[in-house]
Amino acid sequence: MLEIIIFSSVVGYVYAEILLEEHKPLHWWYKLVEKHLANKINWLYYLLNCSLCMSGQIALWTFIFTQKLVLTDLVFTICGAILLTKFIQKWS
């Protein structure tokens, strides 16, 4: 589970906080999501642009596809990924 937490946090942070910035490789994706979702489907817009949300989603789906489904372990993994991402945000 610790591997999933670290993996999810790093990937979610790098995706949302670094790669979506202007003049970075995925800025075109950010503009596309903002154009089509910003005022229409707010929850999906934030899910795709928020490093905490993205880390949680990566942790959720990685856990589901790689681990035996135990609800407490799943919740711990998701919360751990979000918490670690928050720490990474504070340190950067």
N, C-alpha and C. Protein backbone atom coordinates (compact mmCIF):
# COMPACT_ATOMS: atom_id res chain seq x y z
N MET A 1 0.81 -1.19 0.00
CA MET A 1 0.00 0.00 0.00
C MET A 1 0.86 1.26 0.00
N LEU A 2 1.98 1.22 0.69
CA LEU A 2 2.85 2.39 0.74
C LEU A 2 3.35 2.77 -0.65
N GLU A 3 3.63 1.77 -1.46
CA GLU A 3 4.08 2.04 -2.84
C GLU A 3 2.99 2.77 -3.62
N ILE A 4 1.75 2.37 -3.45
CA ILE A 4 0.64 3.01 -4.15
C ILE A 4 0.48 4.45 -3.66
N ILE A 5 0.62 4.66 -2.37
CA ILE A 5 0.50 6.02 -1.81
C ILE A 5 1.56 6.94 -2.40
N ILE A 6 2.79 6.50 -2.40
CA ILE A 6 3.89 7.33 -2.92
C ILE A 6 3.73 7.54 -4.41
N PHE A 7 3.47 6.48 -5.15
CA PHE A 7 3.28 6.57 -6.60
C PHE A 7 2.15 7.54 -6.95
N SER A 8 1.02 7.39 -6.30
CA SER A 8 -0.15 8.22 -6.60
C SER A 8 0.11 9.69 -6.28
N SER A 9 0.75 9.94 -5.17
CA SER A 9 1.04 11.32 -4.77
C SER A 9 1.99 12.00 -5.74
N VAL A 10 3.05 11.32 -6.08
CA VAL A 10 4.03 11.92 -6.98
C VAL A 10 3.42 12.16 -8.37
N VAL A 11 2.76 11.17 -8.91
CA VAL A 11 2.17 11.31 -10.25
C VAL A 11 1.07 12.37 -10.25
N GLY A 12 0.20 12.36 -9.26
CA GLY A 12 -0.87 13.36 -9.18
C GLY A 12 -0.32 14.76 -9.06
N TYR A 13 0.69 14.95 -8.22
CA TYR A 13 1.30 16.27 -8.06
C TYR A 13 1.98 16.73 -9.34
N VAL A 14 2.79 15.89 -9.92
CA VAL A 14 3.51 16.27 -11.14
C VAL A 14 2.53 16.59 -12.27
N TYR A 15 1.50 15.78 -12.41
CA TYR A 15 0.49 16.01 -13.45
C TYR A 15 -0.20 17.36 -13.26
N ALA A 16 -0.77 17.59 -12.08
CA ALA A 16 -1.62 18.76 -11.88
C ALA A 16 -0.85 20.05 -11.60
N GLU A 17 0.27 19.95 -10.91
CA GLU A 17 0.98 21.16 -10.51
C GLU A 17 2.12 21.55 -11.45
N ILE A 18 2.62 20.61 -12.24
CA ILE A 18 3.77 20.92 -13.09
C ILE A 18 3.41 20.81 -14.57
N LEU A 19 2.90 19.67 -15.00
CA LEU A 19 2.68 19.44 -16.42
C LEU A 19 1.52 20.24 -17.02
N LEU A 20 0.60 20.72 -16.20
CA LEU A 20 -0.52 21.50 -16.72
C LEU A 20 -0.23 22.99 -16.79
N GLU A 21 0.92 23.43 -16.27
CA GLU A 21 1.27 24.85 -16.30
C GLU A 21 1.51 25.32 -17.73
N GLU A 22 1.44 26.63 -17.88
CA GLU A 22 1.67 27.23 -19.18
C GLU A 22 3.10 26.92 -19.65
N HIS A 23 3.25 26.64 -20.93
CA HIS A 23 4.53 26.28 -21.57
C HIS A 23 5.04 24.91 -21.13
N LYS A 24 4.16 24.08 -20.62
CA LYS A 24 4.52 22.71 -20.26
C LYS A 24 3.77 21.75 -21.18
N PRO A 25 4.18 20.48 -21.24
CA PRO A 25 3.64 19.54 -22.23
C PRO A 25 2.12 19.34 -22.21
N LEU A 26 1.47 19.44 -21.07
CA LEU A 26 0.03 19.16 -21.01
C LEU A 26 -0.83 20.41 -20.86
N HIS A 27 -0.27 21.57 -21.14
CA HIS A 27 -1.07 22.79 -21.01
C HIS A 27 -2.23 22.81 -22.00
N TRP A 28 -2.06 22.20 -23.16
CA TRP A 28 -3.15 22.11 -24.12
C TRP A 28 -4.33 21.36 -23.52
N TRP A 29 -4.07 20.32 -22.73
CA TRP A 29 -5.12 19.54 -22.07
C TRP A 29 -5.86 20.41 -21.04
N TYR A 30 -5.09 21.18 -20.30
CA TYR A 30 -5.68 22.08 -19.30
C TYR A 30 -6.63 23.07 -19.99
N LYS A 31 -6.20 23.66 -21.09
CA LYS A 31 -7.05 24.62 -21.81
C LYS A 31 -8.31 23.95 -22.34
N LEU A 32 -8.18 22.73 -22.84
CA LEU A 32 -9.33 21.99 -23.35
C LEU A 32 -10.33 21.68 -22.24
N VAL A 33 -9.84 21.20 -21.12
CA VAL A 33 -10.72 20.90 -19.99
C VAL A 33 -11.38 22.17 -19.47
N GLU A 34 -10.60 23.24 -19.37
CA GLU A 34 -11.15 24.50 -18.89
C GLU A 34 -12.23 25.04 -19.82
N LYS A 35 -12.01 24.93 -21.10
CA LYS A 35 -12.97 25.43 -22.08
C LYS A 35 -14.29 24.67 -22.03
N HIS A 36 -14.22 23.37 -21.89
CA HIS A 36 -15.42 22.55 -22.00
C HIS A 36 -16.07 22.18 -20.66
N LEU A 37 -15.32 22.25 -19.56
CA LEU A 37 -15.87 21.76 -18.29
C LEU A 37 -15.94 22.80 -17.18
N ALA A 38 -15.22 23.90 -17.28
CA ALA A 38 -15.08 24.83 -16.15
C ALA A 38 -16.41 25.31 -15.60
N ASN A 39 -17.34 25.66 -16.44
CA ASN A 39 -18.61 26.20 -15.96
C ASN A 39 -19.77 25.23 -16.12
N LYS A 40 -19.50 24.07 -16.68
CA LYS A 40 -20.59 23.11 -16.95
C LYS A 40 -20.59 21.95 -15.98
N ILE A 41 -19.47 21.29 -15.86
CA ILE A 41 -19.36 20.12 -14.98
C ILE A 41 -18.21 20.39 -14.02
N ASN A 42 -18.47 21.19 -13.00
CA ASN A 42 -17.42 21.65 -12.10
C ASN A 42 -16.69 20.52 -11.38
N TRP A 43 -17.42 19.50 -10.95
CA TRP A 43 -16.77 18.42 -10.20
C TRP A 43 -15.74 17.69 -11.06
N LEU A 44 -16.04 17.51 -12.36
CA LEU A 44 -15.10 16.83 -13.25
C LEU A 44 -13.92 17.75 -13.58
N TYR A 45 -14.20 19.03 -13.72
CA TYR A 45 -13.13 20.01 -13.97
C TYR A 45 -12.10 19.96 -12.84
N TYR A 46 -12.58 20.02 -11.59
CA TYR A 46 -11.66 19.97 -10.45
C TYR A 46 -10.98 18.62 -10.32
N LEU A 47 -11.69 17.57 -10.62
CA LEU A 47 -11.11 16.24 -10.55
C LEU A 47 -9.92 16.10 -11.51
N LEU A 48 -10.00 16.74 -12.66
CA LEU A 48 -8.94 16.64 -13.67
C LEU A 48 -7.82 17.66 -13.48
N ASN A 49 -8.02 18.68 -12.66
CA ASN A 49 -7.02 19.74 -12.52
C ASN A 49 -6.46 19.90 -11.11
N CYS A 50 -6.96 19.17 -10.16
CA CYS A 50 -6.55 19.29 -8.76
C CYS A 50 -5.58 18.16 -8.43
N SER A 51 -4.42 18.51 -7.89
CA SER A 51 -3.43 17.48 -7.58
C SER A 51 -3.91 16.55 -6.46
N LEU A 52 -4.65 17.07 -5.50
CA LEU A 52 -5.18 16.21 -4.43
C LEU A 52 -6.21 15.24 -4.99
N CYS A 53 -7.11 15.75 -5.82
CA CYS A 53 -8.14 14.90 -6.43
C CYS A 53 -7.52 13.85 -7.34
N MET A 54 -6.55 14.27 -8.12
CA MET A 54 -5.90 13.34 -9.05
C MET A 54 -5.14 12.26 -8.29
N SER A 55 -4.46 12.62 -7.22
CA SER A 55 -3.74 11.63 -6.42
C SER A 55 -4.70 10.62 -5.81
N GLY A 56 -5.82 11.10 -5.32
CA GLY A 56 -6.84 10.21 -4.76
C GLY A 56 -7.40 9.26 -5.80
N GLN A 57 -7.66 9.77 -6.99
CA GLN A 57 -8.18 8.92 -8.06
C GLN A 57 -7.16 7.87 -8.50
N ILE A 58 -5.91 8.29 -8.63
CA ILE A 58 -4.87 7.34 -9.02
C ILE A 58 -4.74 6.25 -7.96
N ALA A 59 -4.77 6.66 -6.69
CA ALA A 59 -4.68 5.68 -5.60
C ALA A 59 -5.87 4.72 -5.63
N LEU A 60 -7.07 5.27 -5.84
CA LEU A 60 -8.28 4.44 -5.89
C LEU A 60 -8.18 3.38 -6.96
N TRP A 61 -7.92 3.79 -8.18
CA TRP A 61 -7.94 2.85 -9.30
C TRP A 61 -6.74 1.91 -9.28
N THR A 62 -5.59 2.39 -8.85
CA THR A 62 -4.43 1.51 -8.74
C THR A 62 -4.68 0.42 -7.70
N PHE A 63 -5.26 0.82 -6.56
CA PHE A 63 -5.57 -0.15 -5.52
C PHE A 63 -6.58 -1.18 -6.02
N ILE A 64 -7.64 -0.72 -6.65
CA ILE A 64 -8.69 -1.63 -7.13
C ILE A 64 -8.13 -2.66 -8.11
N PHE A 65 -7.22 -2.23 -9.00
CA PHE A 65 -6.71 -3.15 -10.01
C PHE A 65 -5.52 -3.98 -9.56
N THR A 66 -4.90 -3.64 -8.42
CA THR A 66 -3.70 -4.38 -8.04
C THR A 66 -3.78 -5.08 -6.70
N GLN A 67 -4.76 -4.76 -5.87
CA GLN A 67 -4.82 -5.31 -4.52
C GLN A 67 -6.12 -6.06 -4.30
N LYS A 68 -6.11 -6.88 -3.27
CA LYS A 68 -7.35 -7.51 -2.82
C LYS A 68 -8.20 -6.43 -2.16
N LEU A 69 -9.45 -6.34 -2.52
CA LEU A 69 -10.30 -5.25 -2.07
C LEU A 69 -10.71 -5.41 -0.61
N VAL A 70 -10.06 -4.64 0.25
CA VAL A 70 -10.40 -4.54 1.66
C VAL A 70 -10.69 -3.06 1.89
N LEU A 71 -11.90 -2.75 2.30
CA LEU A 71 -12.36 -1.37 2.35
C LEU A 71 -11.48 -0.48 3.23
N THR A 72 -11.08 -0.97 4.37
CA THR A 72 -10.24 -0.13 5.24
C THR A 72 -8.88 0.16 4.61
N ASP A 73 -8.31 -0.82 3.94
CA ASP A 73 -7.04 -0.61 3.25
C ASP A 73 -7.21 0.38 2.10
N LEU A 74 -8.32 0.29 1.39
CA LEU A 74 -8.60 1.21 0.29
C LEU A 74 -8.71 2.64 0.79
N VAL A 75 -9.47 2.84 1.85
CA VAL A 75 -9.65 4.18 2.41
C VAL A 75 -8.33 4.73 2.93
N PHE A 76 -7.56 3.90 3.61
CA PHE A 76 -6.25 4.32 4.11
C PHE A 76 -5.33 4.73 2.97
N THR A 77 -5.33 3.97 1.90
CA THR A 77 -4.47 4.25 0.76
C THR A 77 -4.85 5.57 0.10
N ILE A 78 -6.12 5.79 -0.11
CA ILE A 78 -6.58 7.03 -0.73
C ILE A 78 -6.25 8.23 0.16
N CYS A 79 -6.56 8.11 1.44
CA CYS A 79 -6.28 9.21 2.37
C CYS A 79 -4.78 9.47 2.49
N GLY A 80 -4.00 8.41 2.50
CA GLY A 80 -2.55 8.56 2.57
C GLY A 80 -1.99 9.27 1.35
N ALA A 81 -2.51 8.94 0.17
CA ALA A 81 -2.05 9.59 -1.05
C ALA A 81 -2.40 11.07 -1.05
N ILE A 82 -3.61 11.40 -0.61
CA ILE A 82 -4.02 12.80 -0.56
C ILE A 82 -3.19 13.57 0.47
N LEU A 83 -2.96 12.97 1.63
CA LEU A 83 -2.17 13.62 2.67
C LEU A 83 -0.73 13.84 2.23
N LEU A 84 -0.12 12.84 1.61
CA LEU A 84 1.25 12.99 1.12
C LEU A 84 1.32 14.06 0.04
N THR A 85 0.33 14.13 -0.81
CA THR A 85 0.30 15.18 -1.84
C THR A 85 0.22 16.56 -1.19
N LYS A 86 -0.55 16.68 -0.14
CA LYS A 86 -0.65 17.96 0.59
C LYS A 86 0.70 18.34 1.17
N PHE A 87 1.44 17.37 1.73
CA PHE A 87 2.77 17.63 2.24
C PHE A 87 3.70 18.07 1.11
N ILE A 88 3.62 17.41 -0.02
CA ILE A 88 4.47 17.78 -1.16
C ILE A 88 4.15 19.20 -1.61
N GLN A 89 2.88 19.57 -1.63
CA GLN A 89 2.50 20.95 -1.98
C GLN A 89 3.10 21.95 -1.01
N LYS A 90 3.07 21.66 0.27
CA LYS A 90 3.62 22.58 1.27
C LYS A 90 5.13 22.71 1.14
N TRP A 91 5.82 21.62 0.80
CA TRP A 91 7.27 21.63 0.70
C TRP A 91 7.78 22.28 -0.58
N SER A 92 6.93 22.35 -1.60
CA SER A 92 7.42 22.90 -2.88
C SER A 92 7.15 24.38 -3.01
